[in-house]
PDB file of N, CA and C in Angstrom:
ATOM      1  N   UNK A   1     -32.982  25.138   6.794  1.00  0.00           N
ATOM      2  CA  UNK A   1     -33.008  23.645   6.639  1.00  0.00           C
ATOM      3  C   UNK A   1     -32.087  23.977   5.626  1.00  0.00           C
ATOM      4  N   UNK A   2     -32.709  24.402   4.558  1.00  0.00           N
ATOM      5  CA  UNK A   2     -31.685  24.149   3.238  1.00  0.00           C
ATOM      6  C   UNK A   2     -29.651  23.998   3.651  1.00  0.00           C
ATOM      7  N   UNK A   3     -29.962  25.110   4.454  1.00  0.00           N
ATOM      8  CA  UNK A   3     -28.742  25.595   4.868  1.00  0.00           C
ATOM      9  C   UNK A   3     -27.691  24.460   5.203  1.00  0.00           C
ATOM     10  N   UNK A   4     -29.048  23.477   6.613  1.00  0.00           N
ATOM     11  CA  UNK A   4     -27.830  22.482   7.250  1.00  0.00           C
ATOM     12  C   UNK A   4     -27.853  21.561   6.762  1.00  0.00           C
ATOM     13  N   UNK A   5     -28.655  21.208   5.439  1.00  0.00           N
ATOM     14  CA  UNK A   5     -28.370  19.874   4.775  1.00  0.00           C
ATOM     15  C   UNK A   5     -27.051  20.576   3.805  1.00  0.00           C
ATOM     16  N   UNK A   6     -26.890  21.721   2.693  1.00  0.00           N
ATOM     17  CA  UNK A   6     -25.470  22.494   2.405  1.00  0.00           C
ATOM     18  C   UNK A   6     -24.369  22.470   3.161  1.00  0.00           C
ATOM     19  N   UNK A   7     -24.817  22.347   4.093  1.00  0.00           N
ATOM     20  CA  UNK A   7     -23.696  22.633   5.334  1.00  0.00           C
ATOM     21  C   UNK A   7     -22.702  20.922   5.316  1.00  0.00           C
ATOM     22  N   UNK A   8     -23.776  19.618   5.556  1.00  0.00           N
ATOM     23  CA  UNK A   8     -23.759  18.391   6.022  1.00  0.00           C
ATOM     24  C   UNK A   8     -23.281  18.495   4.788  1.00  0.00           C
ATOM     25  N   UNK A   9     -23.604  18.632   3.339  1.00  0.00           N
ATOM     26  CA  UNK A   9     -23.249  17.904   2.512  1.00  0.00           C
ATOM     27  C   UNK A   9     -21.362  18.570   1.946  1.00  0.00           C
ATOM     28  N   UNK A  10     -21.253  19.614   2.457  1.00  0.00           N
ATOM     29  CA  UNK A  10     -19.951  20.434   2.769  1.00  0.00           C
ATOM     30  C   UNK A  10     -19.036  19.123   3.270  1.00  0.00           C
ATOM     31  N   UNK A  11     -19.635  19.151   4.911  1.00  0.00           N
ATOM     32  CA  UNK A  11     -18.238  18.398   5.593  1.00  0.00           C
ATOM     33  C   UNK A  11     -18.577  16.911   4.853  1.00  0.00           C
ATOM     34  N   UNK A  12     -19.155  15.881   4.709  1.00  0.00           N
ATOM     35  CA  UNK A  12     -18.913  14.622   3.919  1.00  0.00           C
ATOM     36  C   UNK A  12     -18.179  14.989   2.488  1.00  0.00           C
ATOM     37  N   UNK A  13     -18.240  16.353   2.086  1.00  0.00           N
ATOM     38  CA  UNK A  13     -17.172  15.785   0.520  1.00  0.00           C
ATOM     39  C   UNK A  13     -15.606  16.198   1.398  1.00  0.00           C
ATOM     40  N   UNK A  14     -15.484  17.156   2.394  1.00  0.00           N
ATOM     41  CA  UNK A  14     -14.009  17.153   2.965  1.00  0.00           C
ATOM     42  C   UNK A  14     -13.754  15.872   2.817  1.00  0.00           C
ATOM     43  N   UNK A  15     -14.455  14.929   4.017  1.00  0.00           N
ATOM     44  CA  UNK A  15     -14.209  13.893   4.483  1.00  0.00           C
ATOM     45  C   UNK A  15     -13.786  13.201   3.200  1.00  0.00           C
ATOM     46  N   UNK A  16     -13.755  12.595   1.977  1.00  0.00           N
ATOM     47  CA  UNK A  16     -14.376  11.967   1.049  1.00  0.00           C
ATOM     48  C   UNK A  16     -12.654  13.020   0.173  1.00  0.00           C
ATOM     49  N   UNK A  17     -12.326  13.465   0.422  1.00  0.00           N
ATOM     50  CA  UNK A  17     -11.430  14.809   0.403  1.00  0.00           C
ATOM     51  C   UNK A  17      -9.986  14.437   1.200  1.00  0.00           C
ATOM     52  N   UNK A  18     -10.206  13.756   1.881  1.00  0.00           N
ATOM     53  CA  UNK A  18      -9.109  14.110   2.987  1.00  0.00           C
ATOM     54  C   UNK A  18      -8.047  12.984   2.848  1.00  0.00           C
ATOM     55  N   UNK A  19      -7.270  13.275   2.643  1.00  0.00           N
ATOM     56  CA  UNK A  19      -5.911  12.424   2.249  1.00  0.00           C
ATOM     57  C   UNK A  19      -5.169  12.336   3.953  1.00  0.00           C
ATOM     58  N   UNK A  20      -5.356  10.398   4.045  1.00  0.00           N
ATOM     59  CA  UNK A  20      -4.937   9.819   4.892  1.00  0.00           C
ATOM     60  C   UNK A  20      -3.050   9.658   4.938  1.00  0.00           C
ATOM     61  N   UNK A  21      -2.526   9.421   5.599  1.00  0.00           N
ATOM     62  CA  UNK A  21      -1.001   9.183   6.022  1.00  0.00           C
ATOM     63  C   UNK A  21      -0.572   8.199   5.631  1.00  0.00           C
ATOM     64  N   UNK A  22       0.996   7.047   5.790  1.00  0.00           N
ATOM     65  CA  UNK A  22       1.380   5.821   5.562  1.00  0.00           C
ATOM     66  C   UNK A  22       2.405   6.189   5.596  1.00  0.00           C
ATOM     67  N   UNK A  23       2.924   5.464   5.980  1.00  0.00           N
ATOM     68  CA  UNK A  23       4.599   4.996   6.140  1.00  0.00           C
ATOM     69  C   UNK A  23       4.814   3.409   5.571  1.00  0.00           C
ATOM     70  N   UNK A  24       6.313   3.789   4.208  1.00  0.00           N
ATOM     71  CA  UNK A  24       6.119   2.541   3.640  1.00  0.00           C
ATOM     72  C   UNK A  24       7.543   2.460   4.053  1.00  0.00           C
ATOM     73  N   UNK A  25       7.798   1.390   4.969  1.00  0.00           N
ATOM     74  CA  UNK A  25       8.717   0.735   5.056  1.00  0.00           C
ATOM     75  C   UNK A  25       9.301  -0.892   4.121  1.00  0.00           C
ATOM     76  N   UNK A  26      10.695   0.287   3.502  1.00  0.00           N
ATOM     77  CA  UNK A  26      11.227  -0.777   3.029  1.00  0.00           C
ATOM     78  C   UNK A  26      12.388  -2.102   2.374  1.00  0.00           C
ATOM     79  N   UNK A  27      11.933  -2.449   3.774  1.00  0.00           N
ATOM     80  CA  UNK A  27      13.225  -2.798   4.661  1.00  0.00           C
ATOM     81  C   UNK A  27      14.350  -3.173   4.803  1.00  0.00           C
ATOM     82  N   UNK A  28      14.844  -2.273   4.230  1.00  0.00           N
ATOM     83  CA  UNK A  28      16.375  -1.170   3.780  1.00  0.00           C
ATOM     84  C   UNK A  28      16.543  -0.216   4.554  1.00  0.00           C
ATOM     85  N   UNK A  29      15.736   0.175   5.895  1.00  0.00           N
ATOM     86  CA  UNK A  29      16.025   1.424   6.559  1.00  0.00           C
ATOM     87  C   UNK A  29      15.726   2.636   5.809  1.00  0.00           C
ATOM     88  N   UNK A  30      15.516   2.359   5.056  1.00  0.00           N
ATOM     89  CA  UNK A  30      14.233   3.622   3.935  1.00  0.00           C
ATOM     90  C   UNK A  30      12.697   3.281   4.623  1.00  0.00           C
ATOM     91  N   UNK A  31      12.274   3.983   4.874  1.00  0.00           N
ATOM     92  CA  UNK A  31      10.948   4.384   5.915  1.00  0.00           C
ATOM     93  C   UNK A  31      10.185   5.752   4.642  1.00  0.00           C
ATOM     94  N   UNK A  32       9.604   6.184   3.982  1.00  0.00           N
ATOM     95  CA  UNK A  32       9.037   7.076   2.588  1.00  0.00           C
ATOM     96  C   UNK A  32       7.176   7.579   4.054  1.00  0.00           C
ATOM     97  N   UNK A  33       7.272   8.424   3.726  1.00  0.00           N
ATOM     98  CA  UNK A  33       6.030   8.893   4.590  1.00  0.00           C
ATOM     99  C   UNK A  33       5.350   9.332   3.339  1.00  0.00           C
ATOM    100  N   UNK A  34       3.856   9.173   3.143  1.00  0.00           N
ATOM    101  CA  UNK A  34       3.147   9.266   2.143  1.00  0.00           C
ATOM    102  C   UNK A  34       1.600   9.918   2.243  1.00  0.00           C
ATOM    103  N   UNK A  35       1.041  10.245   1.672  1.00  0.00           N
ATOM    104  CA  UNK A  35      -0.539  10.842   1.904  1.00  0.00           C
ATOM    105  C   UNK A  35      -1.295   9.932   0.739  1.00  0.00           C
ATOM    106  N   UNK A  36      -2.382   9.713   0.952  1.00  0.00           N
ATOM    107  CA  UNK A  36      -3.332   8.736  -0.395  1.00  0.00           C
ATOM    108  C   UNK A  36      -4.931   9.061   0.298  1.00  0.00           C
ATOM    109  N   UNK A  37      -5.637   8.685  -0.327  1.00  0.00           N
ATOM    110  CA  UNK A  37      -6.857   8.164  -0.306  1.00  0.00           C
ATOM    111  C   UNK A  37      -7.384   7.221   0.685  1.00  0.00           C
ATOM    112  N   UNK A  38      -6.148   5.929   0.075  1.00  0.00           N
ATOM    113  CA  UNK A  38      -6.941   4.807   1.251  1.00  0.00           C
ATOM    114  C   UNK A  38      -5.519   4.178   1.051  1.00  0.00           C
ATOM    115  N   UNK A  39      -5.593   3.245   1.671  1.00  0.00           N
ATOM    116  CA  UNK A  39      -3.935   1.902   1.508  1.00  0.00           C
ATOM    117  C   UNK A  39      -3.825   1.210  -0.293  1.00  0.00           C
ATOM    118  N   UNK A  40      -5.650   1.118  -1.147  1.00  0.00           N
ATOM    119  CA  UNK A  40      -4.919   0.787  -1.902  1.00  0.00           C
ATOM    120  C   UNK A  40      -4.322   1.679  -3.507  1.00  0.00           C
ATOM    121  N   UNK A  41      -4.249   2.936  -3.263  1.00  0.00           N
ATOM    122  CA  UNK A  41      -3.672   4.150  -3.533  1.00  0.00           C
ATOM    123  C   UNK A  41      -1.565   3.912  -3.257  1.00  0.00           C
ATOM    124  N   UNK A  42      -1.630   3.594  -2.056  1.00  0.00           N
ATOM    125  CA  UNK A  42      -0.258   3.350  -1.075  1.00  0.00           C
ATOM    126  C   UNK A  42       0.287   2.096  -1.936  1.00  0.00           C
ATOM    127  N   UNK A  43      -0.553   1.132  -2.381  1.00  0.00           N
ATOM    128  CA  UNK A  43      -0.566  -0.115  -2.554  1.00  0.00           C
ATOM    129  C   UNK A  43       0.286   0.017  -4.178  1.00  0.00           C
ATOM    130  N   UNK A  44      -0.514   0.935  -5.248  1.00  0.00           N
ATOM    131  CA  UNK A  44      -0.304   1.341  -6.834  1.00  0.00           C
ATOM    132  C   UNK A  44       1.184   1.669  -6.410  1.00  0.00           C
ATOM    133  N   UNK A  45       1.193   2.952  -5.842  1.00  0.00           N
ATOM    134  CA  UNK A  45       2.199   3.791  -6.024  1.00  0.00           C
ATOM    135  C   UNK A  45       3.559   3.003  -5.372  1.00  0.00           C
ATOM    136  N   UNK A  46       3.352   2.235  -4.563  1.00  0.00           N
ATOM    137  CA  UNK A  46       4.801   0.754  -3.649  1.00  0.00           C
ATOM    138  C   UNK A  46       5.187   0.373  -4.921  1.00  0.00           C
ATOM    139  N   UNK A  47       4.410  -0.767  -5.358  1.00  0.00           N
ATOM    140  CA  UNK A  47       3.960  -1.272  -7.009  1.00  0.00           C
ATOM    141  C   UNK A  47       4.898  -1.055  -8.124  1.00  0.00           C
ATOM    142  N   UNK A  48       4.693  -0.016  -7.925  1.00  0.00           N
ATOM    143  CA  UNK A  48       5.368   1.285  -9.367  1.00  0.00           C
ATOM    144  C   UNK A  48       7.174   1.338  -8.588  1.00  0.00           C
ATOM    145  N   UNK A  49       7.449   1.560  -7.573  1.00  0.00           N
ATOM    146  CA  UNK A  49       8.129   1.632  -6.554  1.00  0.00           C
ATOM    147  C   UNK A  49       9.082   0.510  -6.341  1.00  0.00           C
ATOM    148  N   UNK A  50       8.578  -0.685  -6.624  1.00  0.00           N
ATOM    149  CA  UNK A  50       9.442  -1.789  -6.195  1.00  0.00           C
ATOM    150  C   UNK A  50      10.818  -1.879  -7.019  1.00  0.00           C
ATOM    151  N   UNK A  51      11.585  -2.540  -6.277  1.00  0.00           N
ATOM    152  CA  UNK A  51      13.171  -2.686  -6.979  1.00  0.00           C
ATOM    153  C   UNK A  51      13.033  -4.310  -5.921  1.00  0.00           C
ATOM    154  N   UNK A  52      14.077  -4.379  -6.445  1.00  0.00           N
ATOM    155  CA  UNK A  52      15.153  -5.840  -6.076  1.00  0.00           C
ATOM    156  C   UNK A  52      16.039  -5.647  -4.899  1.00  0.00           C
ATOM    157  N   UNK A  53      15.147  -5.790  -3.520  1.00  0.00           N
ATOM    158  CA  UNK A  53      15.989  -6.050  -2.281  1.00  0.00           C
ATOM    159  C   UNK A  53      15.845  -6.989  -1.614  1.00  0.00           C
ATOM    160  N   UNK A  54      15.847  -8.366  -1.664  1.00  0.00           N
ATOM    161  CA  UNK A  54      15.296  -8.959  -0.680  1.00  0.00           C
ATOM    162  C   UNK A  54      14.265  -9.073   0.500  1.00  0.00           C
ATOM    163  N   UNK A  55      13.730  -7.750   0.844  1.00  0.00           N
ATOM    164  CA  UNK A  55      12.992  -7.596   1.809  1.00  0.00           C
ATOM    165  C   UNK A  55      11.695  -7.651   1.914  1.00  0.00           C
ATOM    166  N   UNK A  56      10.918  -7.844   2.736  1.00  0.00           N
ATOM    167  CA  UNK A  56       9.425  -7.399   2.802  1.00  0.00           C
ATOM    168  C   UNK A  56       9.292  -6.235   2.934  1.00  0.00           C
ATOM    169  N   UNK A  57       8.334  -6.027   1.868  1.00  0.00           N
ATOM    170  CA  UNK A  57       7.730  -4.348   2.155  1.00  0.00           C
ATOM    171  C   UNK A  57       6.651  -4.021   3.172  1.00  0.00           C
ATOM    172  N   UNK A  58       6.545  -3.074   3.755  1.00  0.00           N
ATOM    173  CA  UNK A  58       5.265  -2.960   4.653  1.00  0.00           C
ATOM    174  C   UNK A  58       4.783  -1.595   4.647  1.00  0.00           C
ATOM    175  N   UNK A  59       3.247  -1.453   4.823  1.00  0.00           N
ATOM    176  CA  UNK A  59       2.944  -0.279   4.577  1.00  0.00           C
ATOM    177  C   UNK A  59       1.872  -0.071   5.641  1.00  0.00           C
ATOM    178  N   UNK A  60       2.268   0.932   6.592  1.00  0.00           N
ATOM    179  CA  UNK A  60       1.713   1.059   8.531  1.00  0.00           C
ATOM    180  C   UNK A  60       0.466   2.526   8.085  1.00  0.00           C
ATOM    181  N   UNK A  61      -0.955   2.302   8.386  1.00  0.00           N
ATOM    182  CA  UNK A  61      -1.449   3.907   8.189  1.00  0.00           C
ATOM    183  C   UNK A  61      -0.899   4.668   9.048  1.00  0.00           C
ATOM    184  N   UNK A  62      -0.705   5.982   9.509  1.00  0.00           N
ATOM    185  CA  UNK A  62      -0.822   6.871  10.746  1.00  0.00           C
ATOM    186  C   UNK A  62      -1.422   7.343  10.521  1.00  0.00           C
ATOM    187  N   UNK A  63      -1.727   8.994  10.648  1.00  0.00           N
ATOM    188  CA  UNK A  63      -2.755   9.975  11.002  1.00  0.00           C
ATOM    189  C   UNK A  63      -3.707   9.702  10.047  1.00  0.00           C
ATOM    190  N   UNK A  64      -5.166   9.833  10.732  1.00  0.00           N
ATOM    191  CA  UNK A  64      -6.175   9.284   9.297  1.00  0.00           C
ATOM    192  C   UNK A  64      -6.530   7.432   9.026  1.00  0.00           C
ATOM    193  N   UNK A  65      -5.711   6.895   9.181  1.00  0.00           N
ATOM    194  CA  UNK A  65      -5.639   5.634   8.532  1.00  0.00           C
ATOM    195  C   UNK A  65      -5.065   4.509   9.588  1.00  0.00           C
ATOM    196  N   UNK A  66      -5.189   4.772  11.223  1.00  0.00           N
ATOM    197  CA  UNK A  66      -4.331   4.144  11.878  1.00  0.00           C
ATOM    198  C   UNK A  66      -4.901   2.687  12.252  1.00  0.00           C
ATOM    199  N   UNK A  67      -4.159   1.893  12.015  1.00  0.00           N
ATOM    200  CA  UNK A  67      -4.419   0.464  12.080  1.00  0.00           C
ATOM    201  C   UNK A  67      -4.525  -0.374  11.186  1.00  0.00           C
ATOM    202  N   UNK A  68      -4.523   0.739   9.366  1.00  0.00           N
ATOM    203  CA  UNK A  68      -4.786  -0.115   8.299  1.00  0.00           C
ATOM    204  C   UNK A  68      -2.739  -0.171   8.415  1.00  0.00           C
ATOM    205  N   UNK A  69      -3.190  -1.467   7.493  1.00  0.00           N
ATOM    206  CA  UNK A  69      -1.404  -1.896   7.594  1.00  0.00           C
ATOM    207  C   UNK A  69      -1.651  -3.396   5.978  1.00  0.00           C
ATOM    208  N   UNK A  70      -0.545  -3.931   5.615  1.00  0.00           N
ATOM    209  CA  UNK A  70      -0.583  -4.315   4.599  1.00  0.00           C
ATOM    210  C   UNK A  70       1.376  -4.713   4.311  1.00  0.00           C
ATOM    211  N   UNK A  71       0.945  -5.859   3.456  1.00  0.00           N
ATOM    212  CA  UNK A  71       2.662  -6.588   3.320  1.00  0.00           C
ATOM    213  C   UNK A  71       2.681  -7.283   2.345  1.00  0.00           C
ATOM    214  N   UNK A  72       3.732  -6.734   1.635  1.00  0.00           N
ATOM    215  CA  UNK A  72       4.066  -7.791   0.191  1.00  0.00           C
ATOM    216  C   UNK A  72       4.997  -8.553   0.732  1.00  0.00           C
ATOM    217  N   UNK A  73       5.720  -9.633   0.778  1.00  0.00           N
ATOM    218  CA  UNK A  73       6.394 -10.843   1.521  1.00  0.00           C
ATOM    219  C   UNK A  73       7.631 -10.765  -0.304  1.00  0.00           C
ATOM    220  N   UNK A  74       8.806 -10.793   0.436  1.00  0.00           N
ATOM    221  CA  UNK A  74      10.029 -11.976  -0.515  1.00  0.00           C
ATOM    222  C   UNK A  74       9.535 -12.551  -0.640  1.00  0.00           C
ATOM    223  N   UNK A  75      10.265 -13.229  -1.659  1.00  0.00           N
ATOM    224  CA  UNK A  75      10.648 -14.663  -1.831  1.00  0.00           C
ATOM    225  C   UNK A  75      11.240 -14.862  -2.837  1.00  0.00           C
ATOM    226  N   UNK A  76      12.756 -15.201  -2.631  1.00  0.00           N
ATOM    227  CA  UNK A  76      14.103 -15.424  -3.369  1.00  0.00           C
ATOM    228  C   UNK A  76      14.097 -16.806  -3.900  1.00  0.00           C
ATOM    229  N   UNK A  77      13.178 -16.682  -4.391  1.00  0.00           N
ATOM    230  CA  UNK A  77      12.872 -18.228  -5.776  1.00  0.00           C
ATOM    231  C   UNK A  77      11.969 -17.875  -6.849  1.00  0.00           C
ATOM    232  N   UNK A  78      12.181 -18.605  -8.134  1.00  0.00           N
ATOM    233  CA  UNK A  78      11.494 -18.163  -9.377  1.00  0.00           C
ATOM    234  C   UNK A  78      10.306 -18.560  -9.014  1.00  0.00           C
ATOM    235  N   UNK A  79       9.169 -18.122  -8.801  1.00  0.00           N
ATOM    236  CA  UNK A  79       7.444 -18.892  -9.111  1.00  0.00           C
ATOM    237  C   UNK A  79       7.384 -19.616  -9.702  1.00  0.00           C
ATOM    238  N   UNK A  80       7.205 -21.749  -9.223  1.00  0.00           N
ATOM    239  CA  UNK A  80       7.077 -22.387 -10.023  1.00  0.00           C
ATOM    240  C   UNK A  80       5.824 -23.191 -10.235  1.00  0.00           C
ATOM    241  N   UNK A  81       4.950 -23.293  -8.955  1.00  0.00           N
ATOM    242  CA  UNK A  81       3.788 -23.668  -8.653  1.00  0.00           C
ATOM    243  C   UNK A  81       2.917 -22.538  -8.764  1.00  0.00           C
ATOM    244  N   UNK A  82       2.329 -23.162  -9.344  1.00  0.00           N
ATOM    245  CA  UNK A  82       0.378 -22.468  -9.927  1.00  0.00           C
ATOM    246  C   UNK A  82       0.345 -21.296  -8.622  1.00  0.00           C
ATOM    247  N   UNK A  83       0.015 -22.088  -7.684  1.00  0.00           N
ATOM    248  CA  UNK A  83      -0.058 -21.691  -6.185  1.00  0.00           C
ATOM    249  C   UNK A  83       0.574 -20.186  -5.839  1.00  0.00           C
ATOM    250  N   UNK A  84       2.202 -20.182  -6.332  1.00  0.00           N
ATOM    251  CA  UNK A  84       3.153 -19.365  -6.342  1.00  0.00           C
ATOM    252  C   UNK A  84       2.927 -18.292  -7.924  1.00  0.00           C
ATOM    253  N   UNK A  85       3.102 -18.796  -8.473  1.00  0.00           N
ATOM    254  CA  UNK A  85       2.227 -18.136  -9.530  1.00  0.00           C
ATOM    255  C   UNK A  85       1.053 -17.146  -9.788  1.00  0.00           C
ATOM    256  N   UNK A  86       0.423 -17.611  -8.806  1.00  0.00           N
ATOM    257  CA  UNK A  86      -1.435 -17.104  -8.756  1.00  0.00           C
ATOM    258  C   UNK A  86      -0.678 -15.593  -7.337  1.00  0.00           C
ATOM    259  N   UNK A  87       0.673 -15.725  -7.145  1.00  0.00           N
ATOM    260  CA  UNK A  87       0.680 -14.888  -5.495  1.00  0.00           C
ATOM    261  C   UNK A  87       1.734 -13.826  -5.898  1.00  0.00           C
ATOM    262  N   UNK A  88       2.293 -13.672  -7.310  1.00  0.00           N
ATOM    263  CA  UNK A  88       3.538 -12.766  -7.345  1.00  0.00           C
ATOM    264  C   UNK A  88       2.172 -11.271  -7.968  1.00  0.00           C
ATOM    265  N   UNK A  89       2.986 -10.564  -6.907  1.00  0.00           N
ATOM    266  CA  UNK A  89       2.543  -9.168  -7.805  1.00  0.00           C
ATOM    267  C   UNK A  89       3.958  -8.532  -8.065  1.00  0.00           C
ATOM    268  N   UNK A  90       5.056  -8.706  -8.175  1.00  0.00           N
ATOM    269  CA  UNK A  90       6.072  -8.238  -9.132  1.00  0.00           C
ATOM    270  C   UNK A  90       7.339  -8.846  -8.982  1.00  0.00           C
ATOM    271  N   UNK A  91       7.821  -9.340 -10.113  1.00  0.00           N
ATOM    272  CA  UNK A  91       8.550 -11.001  -9.856  1.00  0.00           C
ATOM    273  C   UNK A  91       9.442 -10.157 -10.706  1.00  0.00           C
ATOM    274  N   UNK A  92      11.438 -10.352 -10.481  1.00  0.00           N
ATOM    275  CA  UNK A  92      12.554  -9.584 -10.597  1.00  0.00           C
ATOM    276  C   UNK A  92      13.430 -11.333 -11.506  1.00  0.00           C
ATOM    277  N   UNK A  93      13.272 -11.658 -12.466  1.00  0.00           N
ATOM    278  CA  UNK A  93      13.298 -12.780 -12.946  1.00  0.00           C
ATOM    279  C   UNK A  93      13.941 -14.058 -11.825  1.00  0.00           C
ATOM    280  N   UNK A  94      14.592 -14.457 -12.083  1.00  0.00           N
ATOM    281  CA  UNK A  94      14.943 -15.851 -10.949  1.00  0.00           C
ATOM    282  C   UNK A  94      15.878 -15.393 -10.023  1.00  0.00           C
ATOM    283  N   UNK A  95      15.493 -14.415  -9.812  1.00  0.00           N
ATOM    284  CA  UNK A  95      15.981 -13.937  -8.382  1.00  0.00           C
ATOM    285  C   UNK A  95      14.939 -14.286  -7.146  1.00  0.00           C
ATOM    286  N   UNK A  96      14.104 -14.060  -7.778  1.00  0.00           N
ATOM    287  CA  UNK A  96      12.737 -13.634  -6.050  1.00  0.00           C
ATOM    288  C   UNK A  96      11.783 -12.881  -7.321  1.00  0.00           C
ATOM    289  N   UNK A  97       9.978 -12.874  -6.147  1.00  0.00           N
ATOM    290  CA  UNK A  97       9.174 -12.160  -6.336  1.00  0.00           C
ATOM    291  C   UNK A  97       8.410 -11.079  -5.369  1.00  0.00           C
ATOM    292  N   UNK A  98       7.833 -10.257  -5.218  1.00  0.00           N
ATOM    293  CA  UNK A  98       7.092 -10.393  -4.162  1.00  0.00           C
ATOM    294  C   UNK A  98       5.220 -10.661  -4.241  1.00  0.00           C
ATOM    295  N   UNK A  99       5.421 -11.050  -2.694  1.00  0.00           N
ATOM    296  CA  UNK A  99       3.727 -11.100  -3.040  1.00  0.00           C
ATOM    297  C   UNK A  99       2.839 -10.502  -3.368  1.00  0.00           C
ATOM    298  N   UNK A 100       1.548 -10.862  -3.304  1.00  0.00           N
ATOM    299  CA  UNK A 100       0.393 -10.285  -3.475  1.00  0.00           C
ATOM    300  C   UNK A 100       0.428  -9.168  -2.108  1.00  0.00           C
ATOM    301  N   UNK A 101      -0.201  -8.364  -2.123  1.00  0.00           N
ATOM    302  CA  UNK A 101      -0.578  -8.189  -1.022  1.00  0.00           C
ATOM    303  C   UNK A 101      -1.374  -8.346  -0.180  1.00  0.00           C
ATOM    304  N   UNK A 102      -0.425  -8.368   1.905  1.00  0.00           N
ATOM    305  CA  UNK A 102      -1.436  -9.670   2.474  1.00  0.00           C
ATOM    306  C   UNK A 102      -2.205  -7.920   3.550  1.00  0.00           C
TER     307      UNK A 102
END
Protein backbone atom coordinates (compact mmCIF):
# COMPACT_ATOMS: atom_id res chain seq x y z
CA UNK A 1 0.00 0.00 0.00
CA UNK A 2 2.76 2.46 0.94
CA UNK A 3 4.62 1.64 -2.28
CA UNK A 4 1.52 2.45 -4.36
CA UNK A 5 1.13 5.80 -2.60
CA UNK A 6 4.80 6.62 -3.18
CA UNK A 7 4.51 5.75 -6.87
CA UNK A 8 1.38 7.91 -7.16
CA UNK A 9 3.10 10.84 -5.46
CA UNK A 10 6.11 10.46 -7.75
CA UNK A 11 3.86 10.58 -10.82
CA UNK A 12 2.11 13.72 -9.55
CA UNK A 13 5.46 15.41 -8.93
CA UNK A 14 6.66 14.50 -12.42
CA UNK A 15 3.50 16.00 -13.90
CA UNK A 16 3.95 19.22 -11.92
CA UNK A 17 7.57 19.46 -13.01
CA UNK A 18 6.77 18.79 -16.68
CA UNK A 19 7.57 21.59 -19.07
CA UNK A 20 5.12 22.46 -21.82
CA UNK A 21 6.12 23.75 -25.25
CA UNK A 22 4.96 27.07 -26.68
CA UNK A 23 5.48 29.03 -29.90
CA UNK A 24 5.91 32.80 -29.69
CA UNK A 25 5.06 34.62 -32.92
CA UNK A 26 6.35 38.21 -32.93
CA UNK A 27 4.54 39.00 -36.19
CA UNK A 28 7.83 39.74 -37.95
CA UNK A 29 8.54 36.30 -39.34
CA UNK A 30 10.37 35.29 -36.18
CA UNK A 31 8.82 32.44 -34.19
CA UNK A 32 10.55 31.29 -31.01
CA UNK A 33 9.82 27.93 -29.45
CA UNK A 34 10.22 27.78 -25.67
CA UNK A 35 9.52 25.44 -22.80
CA UNK A 36 7.72 26.66 -19.69
CA UNK A 37 5.51 25.36 -16.91
CA UNK A 38 2.53 27.43 -18.09
CA UNK A 39 1.47 30.21 -20.44
CA UNK A 40 1.86 32.83 -17.70
CA UNK A 41 5.57 32.06 -17.47
CA UNK A 42 5.83 32.54 -21.25
CA UNK A 43 3.96 35.86 -21.02
CA UNK A 44 6.52 37.16 -18.52
CA UNK A 45 9.37 36.03 -20.78
CA UNK A 46 7.82 37.76 -23.80
CA UNK A 47 7.22 40.95 -21.81
CA UNK A 48 10.96 41.13 -21.09
CA UNK A 49 11.75 40.60 -24.80
CA UNK A 50 9.20 43.02 -26.30
CA UNK A 51 10.57 45.53 -28.78
CA UNK A 52 8.96 48.09 -31.03
CA UNK A 53 7.79 46.09 -34.04
CA UNK A 54 4.31 47.45 -34.72
CA UNK A 55 2.93 43.89 -34.80
CA UNK A 56 0.75 41.81 -32.47
CA UNK A 57 2.52 39.11 -30.46
CA UNK A 58 0.88 35.68 -30.22
CA UNK A 59 1.65 32.77 -27.90
CA UNK A 60 0.37 29.35 -28.96
CA UNK A 61 0.56 26.19 -26.88
CA UNK A 62 2.20 23.19 -28.51
CA UNK A 63 3.09 19.91 -26.79
CA UNK A 64 1.44 19.62 -23.40
CA UNK A 65 -0.34 22.95 -23.79
CA UNK A 66 -2.51 22.35 -26.86
CA UNK A 67 -5.28 24.88 -27.19
CA UNK A 68 -3.71 27.54 -24.96
CA UNK A 69 -3.48 30.89 -26.70
CA UNK A 70 -2.73 34.50 -25.77
CA UNK A 71 -2.22 37.69 -27.75
CA UNK A 72 -0.83 41.11 -26.90
CA UNK A 73 -2.11 43.58 -29.48
CA UNK A 74 -0.07 46.48 -30.81
CA UNK A 75 -1.72 49.92 -30.79
CA UNK A 76 0.18 52.64 -32.71
CA UNK A 77 -0.99 55.45 -30.44
CA UNK A 78 0.03 57.02 -27.19
CA UNK A 79 -2.60 55.95 -24.63
CA UNK A 80 -4.70 58.86 -23.41
CA UNK A 81 -8.00 57.61 -22.03
CA UNK A 82 -8.17 55.75 -18.73
CA UNK A 83 -9.33 52.64 -20.59
CA UNK A 84 -6.25 52.77 -22.83
CA UNK A 85 -3.94 53.45 -19.88
CA UNK A 86 -5.39 50.47 -18.01
CA UNK A 87 -4.72 48.24 -21.02
CA UNK A 88 -0.98 49.03 -21.38
CA UNK A 89 1.40 46.12 -20.91
CA UNK A 90 4.51 47.77 -22.43
CA UNK A 91 4.64 51.27 -23.89
CA UNK A 92 7.10 52.64 -26.43
CA UNK A 93 6.76 56.37 -25.87
CA UNK A 94 4.48 58.14 -28.33
CA UNK A 95 4.98 55.36 -30.91
CA UNK A 96 2.47 52.99 -29.33
CA UNK A 97 1.96 50.21 -26.84
CA UNK A 98 1.28 46.51 -26.43
CA UNK A 99 -1.96 45.61 -24.67
CA UNK A 100 -2.31 43.29 -21.72
CA UNK A 101 -2.68 39.62 -22.66
CA UNK A 102 -6.06 38.33 -23.83
